[in-house]
């Protein structure tokens, strides 16, 4: 069960994900979360490091699509237009349909698409349910939607359980 919540890769932030690693891993399309992954929650401003990273990604021939649970089309559209990329809003992640919509827009499939986000229960779970390559980043800001704050507390419990269960597994004798 815990495997559904384990990312394939982790990075401090979006701009710390090596573009050459994505290329080497055969990634041709990225489905990226918006709030607290690309921008601070409910913000329209993409930072200069993130903008440069997007330029490097696009120069490497990797397509990008924002897939956000945000309900406000205009907010998602402003960021997407600034970066010149398509988007899906009201995505209802972790539902598979949201990720399939992103892949359809990108023209990519299961083997060459990666998901990048800051939440285990939406981005990582949803991507892993389809067998996609998943990348977890730390949230940009502590400010976020009240429902997300609740999920963050649940994530802390889940991470503790995953660490505890894996350390218990390693030290427990095997019974036959």
N, C-alpha and C. Protein backbone atom coordinates (compact mmCIF):
# COMPACT_ATOMS: atom_id res chain seq x y z
N UNK A 1 0.82 -1.20 0.00
CA UNK A 1 0.00 0.00 0.00
C UNK A 1 0.86 1.26 0.00
N UNK A 2 1.93 1.27 0.78
CA UNK A 2 2.77 2.47 0.87
C UNK A 2 3.42 2.82 -0.46
N UNK A 3 3.60 1.83 -1.33
CA UNK A 3 4.26 2.09 -2.61
C UNK A 3 3.51 3.12 -3.43
N UNK A 4 2.21 3.22 -3.27
CA UNK A 4 1.43 4.21 -4.01
C UNK A 4 1.77 5.64 -3.60
N UNK A 5 2.38 5.80 -2.44
CA UNK A 5 2.71 7.14 -1.93
C UNK A 5 4.20 7.46 -2.05
N UNK A 6 5.00 6.53 -2.55
CA UNK A 6 6.44 6.76 -2.67
C UNK A 6 6.75 7.38 -4.03
N UNK A 7 7.37 8.56 -4.01
CA UNK A 7 7.75 9.17 -5.29
C UNK A 7 8.95 8.43 -5.90
N UNK A 8 9.08 8.51 -7.20
CA UNK A 8 10.23 7.93 -7.89
C UNK A 8 11.50 8.72 -7.58
N UNK A 9 11.32 10.02 -7.34
CA UNK A 9 12.45 10.93 -7.13
C UNK A 9 11.96 12.08 -6.24
N UNK A 10 12.87 12.65 -5.47
CA UNK A 10 12.53 13.81 -4.64
C UNK A 10 13.53 14.93 -4.88
N UNK A 11 13.05 16.16 -4.81
CA UNK A 11 13.91 17.33 -4.96
C UNK A 11 13.41 18.43 -4.03
N UNK A 12 14.31 19.32 -3.68
CA UNK A 12 13.95 20.42 -2.79
C UNK A 12 12.91 21.33 -3.44
N UNK A 13 13.11 21.60 -4.72
CA UNK A 13 12.19 22.49 -5.45
C UNK A 13 12.21 22.14 -6.93
N UNK A 14 11.29 22.70 -7.65
CA UNK A 14 11.16 22.45 -9.08
C UNK A 14 12.48 22.72 -9.81
N UNK A 15 13.11 23.86 -9.51
CA UNK A 15 14.34 24.23 -10.21
C UNK A 15 15.54 23.39 -9.80
N UNK A 16 15.38 22.52 -8.80
CA UNK A 16 16.46 21.61 -8.40
C UNK A 16 16.36 20.25 -9.09
N UNK A 17 15.36 20.07 -9.93
CA UNK A 17 15.22 18.81 -10.68
C UNK A 17 16.12 18.91 -11.91
N UNK A 18 17.11 18.03 -12.02
CA UNK A 18 18.04 18.11 -13.16
C UNK A 18 17.34 17.77 -14.48
N UNK A 19 17.34 18.71 -15.39
CA UNK A 19 16.70 18.51 -16.69
C UNK A 19 17.36 17.36 -17.44
N UNK A 20 18.68 17.24 -17.32
CA UNK A 20 19.38 16.15 -18.01
C UNK A 20 18.95 14.79 -17.47
N UNK A 21 18.56 14.70 -16.20
CA UNK A 21 18.06 13.44 -15.64
C UNK A 21 16.72 13.08 -16.28
N UNK A 22 15.86 14.08 -16.47
CA UNK A 22 14.58 13.84 -17.13
C UNK A 22 14.79 13.30 -18.55
N UNK A 23 15.72 13.92 -19.26
CA UNK A 23 16.03 13.50 -20.64
C UNK A 23 16.58 12.07 -20.63
N UNK A 24 17.54 11.81 -19.75
CA UNK A 24 18.15 10.48 -19.64
C UNK A 24 17.12 9.42 -19.29
N UNK A 25 16.15 9.78 -18.45
CA UNK A 25 15.10 8.84 -18.05
C UNK A 25 14.00 8.68 -19.10
N UNK A 26 14.16 9.36 -20.24
CA UNK A 26 13.21 9.20 -21.34
C UNK A 26 11.92 9.99 -21.18
N UNK A 27 11.94 11.02 -20.33
CA UNK A 27 10.74 11.83 -20.09
C UNK A 27 10.56 12.81 -21.25
N UNK A 28 9.36 12.77 -21.86
CA UNK A 28 9.04 13.68 -22.97
C UNK A 28 7.93 14.66 -22.59
N UNK A 29 7.26 14.38 -21.47
CA UNK A 29 6.18 15.25 -21.02
C UNK A 29 6.12 15.33 -19.51
N UNK A 30 5.83 16.53 -19.02
CA UNK A 30 5.71 16.76 -17.58
C UNK A 30 4.32 17.27 -17.24
N UNK A 31 3.69 16.63 -16.29
CA UNK A 31 2.45 17.10 -15.70
C UNK A 31 2.85 17.73 -14.38
N UNK A 32 2.63 19.03 -14.25
CA UNK A 32 3.12 19.74 -13.07
C UNK A 32 1.97 20.42 -12.34
N UNK A 33 1.96 20.26 -11.03
CA UNK A 33 1.02 20.93 -10.15
C UNK A 33 1.34 22.42 -10.13
N UNK A 34 0.36 23.24 -9.79
CA UNK A 34 0.55 24.69 -9.75
C UNK A 34 0.87 25.21 -8.35
N UNK A 35 -0.13 25.15 -7.46
CA UNK A 35 0.00 25.77 -6.14
C UNK A 35 1.04 25.08 -5.27
N UNK A 36 1.99 25.87 -4.83
CA UNK A 36 3.09 25.46 -3.95
C UNK A 36 4.07 24.49 -4.61
N UNK A 37 3.93 24.31 -5.92
CA UNK A 37 4.93 23.58 -6.70
C UNK A 37 5.61 24.56 -7.65
N UNK A 38 4.80 25.29 -8.44
CA UNK A 38 5.33 26.28 -9.38
C UNK A 38 5.32 27.68 -8.80
N UNK A 39 4.25 27.98 -8.07
CA UNK A 39 4.07 29.31 -7.47
C UNK A 39 3.63 29.13 -6.02
N UNK A 40 3.82 30.15 -5.18
CA UNK A 40 3.21 30.07 -3.85
C UNK A 40 1.69 29.96 -4.02
N UNK A 41 1.03 29.39 -3.02
CA UNK A 41 -0.41 29.18 -3.09
C UNK A 41 -1.15 30.48 -3.41
N UNK A 42 -2.05 30.39 -4.36
CA UNK A 42 -2.93 31.48 -4.77
C UNK A 42 -2.17 32.70 -5.30
N UNK A 43 -0.98 32.49 -5.83
CA UNK A 43 -0.14 33.57 -6.34
C UNK A 43 -0.02 33.42 -7.85
N UNK A 44 0.17 34.52 -8.54
CA UNK A 44 0.32 34.49 -10.00
C UNK A 44 1.78 34.58 -10.44
N UNK A 45 2.67 34.82 -9.50
CA UNK A 45 4.07 35.09 -9.81
C UNK A 45 4.91 33.82 -9.87
N UNK A 46 5.52 33.59 -11.02
CA UNK A 46 6.49 32.50 -11.19
C UNK A 46 7.86 33.11 -10.94
N UNK A 47 8.60 32.54 -10.00
CA UNK A 47 9.91 33.07 -9.66
C UNK A 47 10.91 32.93 -10.79
N UNK A 48 12.00 33.72 -10.77
CA UNK A 48 12.99 33.69 -11.85
C UNK A 48 13.69 32.33 -11.99
N UNK A 49 13.97 31.64 -10.89
CA UNK A 49 14.62 30.32 -10.98
C UNK A 49 13.70 29.31 -11.66
N UNK A 50 12.43 29.36 -11.31
CA UNK A 50 11.45 28.45 -11.91
C UNK A 50 11.29 28.78 -13.40
N UNK A 51 11.23 30.06 -13.73
CA UNK A 51 11.12 30.47 -15.15
C UNK A 51 12.30 29.96 -15.96
N UNK A 52 13.51 30.10 -15.41
CA UNK A 52 14.70 29.60 -16.11
C UNK A 52 14.65 28.08 -16.27
N UNK A 53 14.19 27.39 -15.22
CA UNK A 53 14.09 25.93 -15.29
C UNK A 53 13.12 25.52 -16.41
N UNK A 54 11.99 26.24 -16.52
CA UNK A 54 11.03 25.95 -17.59
C UNK A 54 11.66 26.18 -18.96
N UNK A 55 12.46 27.21 -19.09
CA UNK A 55 13.14 27.45 -20.37
C UNK A 55 14.08 26.29 -20.71
N UNK A 56 14.80 25.80 -19.70
CA UNK A 56 15.72 24.67 -19.91
C UNK A 56 14.95 23.40 -20.30
N UNK A 57 13.82 23.18 -19.63
CA UNK A 57 12.98 22.01 -19.92
C UNK A 57 12.49 22.08 -21.36
N UNK A 58 11.98 23.21 -21.75
CA UNK A 58 11.46 23.36 -23.11
C UNK A 58 12.57 23.28 -24.15
N UNK A 59 13.77 23.82 -23.82
CA UNK A 59 14.91 23.73 -24.74
C UNK A 59 15.35 22.28 -24.93
N UNK A 60 15.11 21.45 -23.92
CA UNK A 60 15.46 20.02 -24.00
C UNK A 60 14.40 19.23 -24.77
N UNK A 61 13.34 19.91 -25.22
CA UNK A 61 12.30 19.25 -26.01
C UNK A 61 11.24 18.55 -25.17
N UNK A 62 11.18 18.87 -23.89
CA UNK A 62 10.18 18.28 -23.01
C UNK A 62 8.95 19.19 -22.97
N UNK A 63 7.78 18.60 -23.21
CA UNK A 63 6.53 19.35 -23.17
C UNK A 63 6.02 19.40 -21.72
N UNK A 64 5.29 20.47 -21.40
CA UNK A 64 4.80 20.66 -20.03
C UNK A 64 3.33 21.04 -20.05
N UNK A 65 2.58 20.50 -19.09
CA UNK A 65 1.18 20.85 -18.90
C UNK A 65 0.92 21.01 -17.41
N UNK A 66 0.30 22.12 -17.02
CA UNK A 66 -0.13 22.30 -15.64
C UNK A 66 -1.40 21.49 -15.44
N UNK A 67 -1.43 20.68 -14.39
CA UNK A 67 -2.65 19.97 -14.00
C UNK A 67 -2.90 20.34 -12.55
N UNK A 68 -3.93 21.15 -12.34
CA UNK A 68 -4.19 21.74 -11.03
C UNK A 68 -5.60 21.45 -10.54
N UNK A 69 -5.73 21.24 -9.26
CA UNK A 69 -7.06 21.09 -8.67
C UNK A 69 -7.71 22.45 -8.45
N UNK A 70 -6.99 23.53 -8.72
CA UNK A 70 -7.52 24.87 -8.54
C UNK A 70 -8.80 25.03 -9.35
N UNK A 71 -9.81 25.64 -8.74
CA UNK A 71 -11.12 25.79 -9.39
C UNK A 71 -11.24 27.05 -10.22
N UNK A 72 -10.24 27.93 -10.13
CA UNK A 72 -10.32 29.22 -10.82
C UNK A 72 -9.52 29.17 -12.13
N UNK A 73 -10.23 29.02 -13.22
CA UNK A 73 -9.60 28.89 -14.53
C UNK A 73 -8.68 30.07 -14.83
N UNK A 74 -9.13 31.28 -14.51
CA UNK A 74 -8.35 32.47 -14.84
C UNK A 74 -6.98 32.45 -14.16
N UNK A 75 -6.95 32.04 -12.90
CA UNK A 75 -5.67 32.01 -12.17
C UNK A 75 -4.69 31.03 -12.80
N UNK A 76 -5.17 29.84 -13.11
CA UNK A 76 -4.32 28.82 -13.73
C UNK A 76 -3.90 29.29 -15.12
N UNK A 77 -4.83 29.89 -15.86
CA UNK A 77 -4.56 30.36 -17.22
C UNK A 77 -3.49 31.45 -17.25
N UNK A 78 -3.49 32.35 -16.29
CA UNK A 78 -2.51 33.44 -16.27
C UNK A 78 -1.09 32.86 -16.16
N UNK A 79 -0.88 31.92 -15.27
CA UNK A 79 0.44 31.31 -15.11
C UNK A 79 0.81 30.51 -16.36
N UNK A 80 -0.14 29.73 -16.87
CA UNK A 80 0.12 28.92 -18.06
C UNK A 80 0.47 29.79 -19.26
N UNK A 81 -0.27 30.87 -19.46
CA UNK A 81 0.01 31.77 -20.59
C UNK A 81 1.36 32.45 -20.44
N UNK A 82 1.72 32.82 -19.22
CA UNK A 82 3.03 33.43 -18.97
C UNK A 82 4.16 32.50 -19.40
N UNK A 83 3.98 31.19 -19.16
CA UNK A 83 5.01 30.20 -19.51
C UNK A 83 4.81 29.61 -20.90
N UNK A 84 3.68 29.90 -21.53
CA UNK A 84 3.40 29.38 -22.86
C UNK A 84 3.13 27.88 -22.87
N UNK A 85 2.38 27.41 -21.85
CA UNK A 85 2.09 25.98 -21.75
C UNK A 85 0.59 25.77 -21.54
N UNK A 86 0.08 24.58 -21.90
CA UNK A 86 -1.33 24.28 -21.68
C UNK A 86 -1.62 23.94 -20.22
N UNK A 87 -2.92 23.84 -19.91
CA UNK A 87 -3.28 23.55 -18.52
C UNK A 87 -4.61 22.81 -18.43
N UNK A 88 -4.78 22.17 -17.29
CA UNK A 88 -6.04 21.55 -16.90
C UNK A 88 -6.35 22.10 -15.51
N UNK A 89 -7.54 22.65 -15.31
CA UNK A 89 -7.93 23.11 -13.98
C UNK A 89 -9.09 22.24 -13.51
N UNK A 90 -9.43 22.36 -12.23
CA UNK A 90 -10.44 21.46 -11.62
C UNK A 90 -10.13 20.00 -11.93
N UNK A 91 -8.89 19.65 -11.74
CA UNK A 91 -8.41 18.33 -12.16
C UNK A 91 -8.90 17.17 -11.30
N UNK A 92 -9.28 17.42 -10.09
CA UNK A 92 -9.73 16.39 -9.14
C UNK A 92 -8.68 15.30 -8.91
N UNK A 93 -7.41 15.71 -8.82
CA UNK A 93 -6.35 14.76 -8.49
C UNK A 93 -6.65 14.21 -7.09
N UNK A 94 -6.46 12.96 -6.85
CA UNK A 94 -5.63 11.97 -7.53
C UNK A 94 -6.36 11.12 -8.57
N UNK A 95 -7.52 11.55 -9.03
CA UNK A 95 -8.24 10.76 -10.04
C UNK A 95 -7.39 10.61 -11.30
N UNK A 96 -7.40 9.44 -11.86
CA UNK A 96 -6.58 9.13 -13.04
C UNK A 96 -6.95 9.97 -14.25
N UNK A 97 -8.22 10.33 -14.32
CA UNK A 97 -8.71 11.11 -15.47
C UNK A 97 -7.92 12.41 -15.64
N UNK A 98 -7.57 13.04 -14.52
CA UNK A 98 -6.82 14.29 -14.57
C UNK A 98 -5.46 14.10 -15.25
N UNK A 99 -4.79 13.02 -14.90
CA UNK A 99 -3.47 12.75 -15.46
C UNK A 99 -3.58 12.31 -16.92
N UNK A 100 -4.61 11.55 -17.23
CA UNK A 100 -4.83 11.15 -18.63
C UNK A 100 -5.11 12.36 -19.50
N UNK A 101 -5.85 13.33 -18.97
CA UNK A 101 -6.12 14.57 -19.72
C UNK A 101 -4.81 15.29 -20.02
N UNK A 102 -3.93 15.37 -19.02
CA UNK A 102 -2.63 16.00 -19.23
C UNK A 102 -1.81 15.28 -20.28
N UNK A 103 -1.79 13.95 -20.23
CA UNK A 103 -1.03 13.17 -21.22
C UNK A 103 -1.61 13.33 -22.62
N UNK A 104 -2.93 13.41 -22.71
CA UNK A 104 -3.57 13.61 -24.01
C UNK A 104 -3.16 14.96 -24.60
N UNK A 105 -3.16 15.99 -23.79
CA UNK A 105 -2.74 17.32 -24.25
C UNK A 105 -1.28 17.30 -24.70
N UNK A 106 -0.43 16.59 -23.93
CA UNK A 106 1.01 16.53 -24.23
C UNK A 106 1.33 15.59 -25.39
N UNK A 107 0.44 14.64 -25.65
CA UNK A 107 0.72 13.63 -26.66
C UNK A 107 1.74 12.61 -26.18
N UNK A 108 1.73 12.36 -24.87
CA UNK A 108 2.67 11.40 -24.28
C UNK A 108 1.92 10.23 -23.67
N UNK A 109 2.67 9.22 -23.26
CA UNK A 109 2.07 8.03 -22.68
C UNK A 109 2.61 7.73 -21.30
N UNK A 110 2.27 6.57 -20.80
CA UNK A 110 2.65 6.17 -19.45
C UNK A 110 4.17 6.09 -19.26
N UNK A 111 4.88 5.65 -20.27
CA UNK A 111 6.32 5.42 -20.12
C UNK A 111 7.18 6.67 -20.27
N UNK A 112 6.63 7.74 -20.82
CA UNK A 112 7.47 8.93 -21.06
C UNK A 112 6.89 10.20 -20.42
N UNK A 113 6.04 10.03 -19.41
CA UNK A 113 5.45 11.17 -18.72
C UNK A 113 5.83 11.12 -17.25
N UNK A 114 6.17 12.27 -16.69
CA UNK A 114 6.45 12.38 -15.26
C UNK A 114 5.46 13.37 -14.64
N UNK A 115 5.17 13.15 -13.37
CA UNK A 115 4.31 14.04 -12.59
C UNK A 115 5.17 14.71 -11.53
N UNK A 116 5.04 16.03 -11.41
CA UNK A 116 5.78 16.77 -10.39
C UNK A 116 4.78 17.52 -9.52
N UNK A 117 4.89 17.33 -8.20
CA UNK A 117 4.00 18.03 -7.29
C UNK A 117 4.52 18.02 -5.87
N UNK A 118 3.81 18.74 -5.01
CA UNK A 118 4.22 18.89 -3.62
C UNK A 118 3.38 18.09 -2.63
N UNK A 119 2.43 17.29 -3.13
CA UNK A 119 1.56 16.55 -2.22
C UNK A 119 1.55 15.05 -2.51
N UNK A 120 1.66 14.27 -1.45
CA UNK A 120 1.60 12.81 -1.59
C UNK A 120 0.21 12.33 -1.96
N UNK A 121 -0.83 12.94 -1.37
CA UNK A 121 -2.20 12.44 -1.53
C UNK A 121 -2.86 12.86 -2.84
N UNK A 122 -2.28 13.78 -3.56
CA UNK A 122 -2.87 14.19 -4.84
C UNK A 122 -1.92 13.87 -5.99
N UNK A 123 -0.77 14.52 -6.02
CA UNK A 123 0.16 14.40 -7.14
C UNK A 123 0.83 13.03 -7.20
N UNK A 124 1.43 12.61 -6.12
CA UNK A 124 2.19 11.36 -6.11
C UNK A 124 1.25 10.15 -6.18
N UNK A 125 0.23 10.13 -5.37
CA UNK A 125 -0.74 9.02 -5.41
C UNK A 125 -1.36 8.91 -6.80
N UNK A 126 -1.81 10.02 -7.35
CA UNK A 126 -2.44 9.98 -8.67
C UNK A 126 -1.50 9.50 -9.76
N UNK A 127 -0.29 10.01 -9.77
CA UNK A 127 0.68 9.57 -10.78
C UNK A 127 1.05 8.10 -10.61
N UNK A 128 1.26 7.68 -9.37
CA UNK A 128 1.62 6.28 -9.12
C UNK A 128 0.49 5.31 -9.47
N UNK A 129 -0.75 5.74 -9.31
CA UNK A 129 -1.89 4.88 -9.66
C UNK A 129 -1.87 4.51 -11.15
N UNK A 130 -1.28 5.38 -11.96
CA UNK A 130 -1.16 5.10 -13.40
C UNK A 130 0.19 4.49 -13.77
N UNK A 131 1.09 4.42 -12.79
CA UNK A 131 2.43 3.90 -13.07
C UNK A 131 3.36 4.93 -13.69
N UNK A 132 3.07 6.22 -13.48
CA UNK A 132 3.92 7.28 -14.02
C UNK A 132 5.14 7.50 -13.12
N UNK A 133 6.15 8.12 -13.67
CA UNK A 133 7.32 8.54 -12.93
C UNK A 133 6.89 9.75 -12.09
N UNK A 134 7.08 9.72 -10.79
CA UNK A 134 6.59 10.79 -9.92
C UNK A 134 7.75 11.48 -9.20
N UNK A 135 7.65 12.80 -9.09
CA UNK A 135 8.67 13.60 -8.44
C UNK A 135 8.00 14.47 -7.38
N UNK A 136 8.45 14.33 -6.15
CA UNK A 136 7.93 15.12 -5.04
C UNK A 136 8.87 16.27 -4.75
N UNK A 137 8.32 17.48 -4.65
CA UNK A 137 9.09 18.66 -4.25
C UNK A 137 8.51 19.20 -2.95
N UNK A 138 9.32 19.95 -2.23
CA UNK A 138 8.83 20.59 -1.02
C UNK A 138 7.91 21.75 -1.39
N UNK A 139 6.89 22.02 -0.58
CA UNK A 139 6.01 23.17 -0.89
C UNK A 139 6.80 24.48 -0.83
N UNK A 140 6.50 25.38 -1.74
CA UNK A 140 7.17 26.67 -1.81
C UNK A 140 6.87 27.52 -0.57
N UNK A 141 5.64 27.43 -0.08
CA UNK A 141 5.19 28.31 1.00
C UNK A 141 4.40 27.53 2.04
N UNK A 142 4.33 28.06 3.25
CA UNK A 142 3.49 27.48 4.31
C UNK A 142 2.03 27.89 4.14
N UNK A 143 1.80 28.95 3.38
CA UNK A 143 0.43 29.42 3.14
C UNK A 143 -0.26 28.49 2.17
N UNK A 144 -1.43 27.99 2.54
CA UNK A 144 -2.17 27.13 1.62
C UNK A 144 -3.63 27.00 2.04
N UNK A 145 -4.39 26.38 1.16
CA UNK A 145 -5.81 26.12 1.36
C UNK A 145 -5.99 25.31 2.64
N UNK A 146 -7.06 25.58 3.38
CA UNK A 146 -7.30 24.91 4.67
C UNK A 146 -7.38 23.39 4.52
N UNK A 147 -7.99 22.90 3.46
CA UNK A 147 -8.06 21.46 3.23
C UNK A 147 -6.69 20.85 3.00
N UNK A 148 -5.81 21.60 2.36
CA UNK A 148 -4.45 21.13 2.13
C UNK A 148 -3.68 21.05 3.44
N UNK A 149 -3.93 22.00 4.33
CA UNK A 149 -3.26 21.97 5.65
C UNK A 149 -3.61 20.68 6.39
N UNK A 150 -4.87 20.27 6.29
CA UNK A 150 -5.29 19.01 6.91
C UNK A 150 -4.55 17.83 6.27
N UNK A 151 -4.48 17.82 4.94
CA UNK A 151 -3.78 16.74 4.25
C UNK A 151 -2.30 16.70 4.62
N UNK A 152 -1.70 17.86 4.85
CA UNK A 152 -0.28 17.90 5.24
C UNK A 152 -0.07 17.16 6.56
N UNK A 153 -1.03 17.31 7.48
CA UNK A 153 -0.92 16.59 8.76
C UNK A 153 -1.01 15.08 8.53
N UNK A 154 -1.90 14.69 7.65
CA UNK A 154 -2.02 13.27 7.31
C UNK A 154 -0.76 12.76 6.62
N UNK A 155 -0.15 13.61 5.78
CA UNK A 155 1.10 13.24 5.11
C UNK A 155 2.20 12.97 6.13
N UNK A 156 2.27 13.80 7.16
CA UNK A 156 3.29 13.60 8.20
C UNK A 156 3.13 12.24 8.87
N UNK A 157 1.90 11.87 9.16
CA UNK A 157 1.63 10.55 9.76
C UNK A 157 2.03 9.45 8.78
N UNK A 158 1.67 9.60 7.51
CA UNK A 158 2.00 8.61 6.50
C UNK A 158 3.51 8.45 6.36
N UNK A 159 4.23 9.55 6.29
CA UNK A 159 5.69 9.49 6.16
C UNK A 159 6.30 8.79 7.38
N UNK A 160 5.79 9.10 8.57
CA UNK A 160 6.28 8.44 9.78
C UNK A 160 6.02 6.94 9.70
N UNK A 161 4.81 6.57 9.29
CA UNK A 161 4.48 5.14 9.17
C UNK A 161 5.37 4.44 8.14
N UNK A 162 5.59 5.09 7.00
CA UNK A 162 6.42 4.49 5.96
C UNK A 162 7.84 4.27 6.48
N UNK A 163 8.39 5.26 7.19
CA UNK A 163 9.74 5.11 7.74
C UNK A 163 9.76 4.02 8.80
N UNK A 164 8.76 4.03 9.68
CA UNK A 164 8.69 3.05 10.76
C UNK A 164 8.53 1.64 10.22
N UNK A 165 7.64 1.48 9.27
CA UNK A 165 7.37 0.15 8.70
C UNK A 165 8.58 -0.37 7.92
N UNK A 166 9.27 0.51 7.20
CA UNK A 166 10.43 0.04 6.44
C UNK A 166 11.59 -0.30 7.37
N UNK A 167 11.77 0.45 8.48
CA UNK A 167 12.85 0.12 9.40
C UNK A 167 12.51 -1.14 10.19
N UNK A 168 11.24 -1.35 10.49
CA UNK A 168 10.81 -2.57 11.18
C UNK A 168 10.99 -3.77 10.26
N UNK A 169 10.68 -3.59 9.00
CA UNK A 169 10.80 -4.66 8.02
C UNK A 169 12.24 -5.13 7.89
N UNK A 170 13.18 -4.18 7.88
CA UNK A 170 14.59 -4.51 7.72
C UNK A 170 15.14 -5.27 8.92
N UNK A 171 14.65 -4.95 10.12
CA UNK A 171 15.23 -5.55 11.32
C UNK A 171 14.48 -6.78 11.80
N UNK A 172 13.31 -7.01 11.28
CA UNK A 172 12.53 -8.17 11.71
C UNK A 172 13.06 -9.44 11.08
N UNK A 173 13.09 -10.53 11.88
CA UNK A 173 13.52 -11.82 11.28
C UNK A 173 12.46 -12.32 10.32
N UNK A 174 12.90 -13.08 9.33
CA UNK A 174 11.96 -13.67 8.38
C UNK A 174 11.49 -15.01 8.91
N UNK A 175 10.21 -15.21 8.90
CA UNK A 175 9.63 -16.47 9.34
C UNK A 175 9.18 -17.26 8.13
N UNK A 176 9.35 -18.57 8.19
CA UNK A 176 8.94 -19.40 7.07
C UNK A 176 7.87 -20.36 7.50
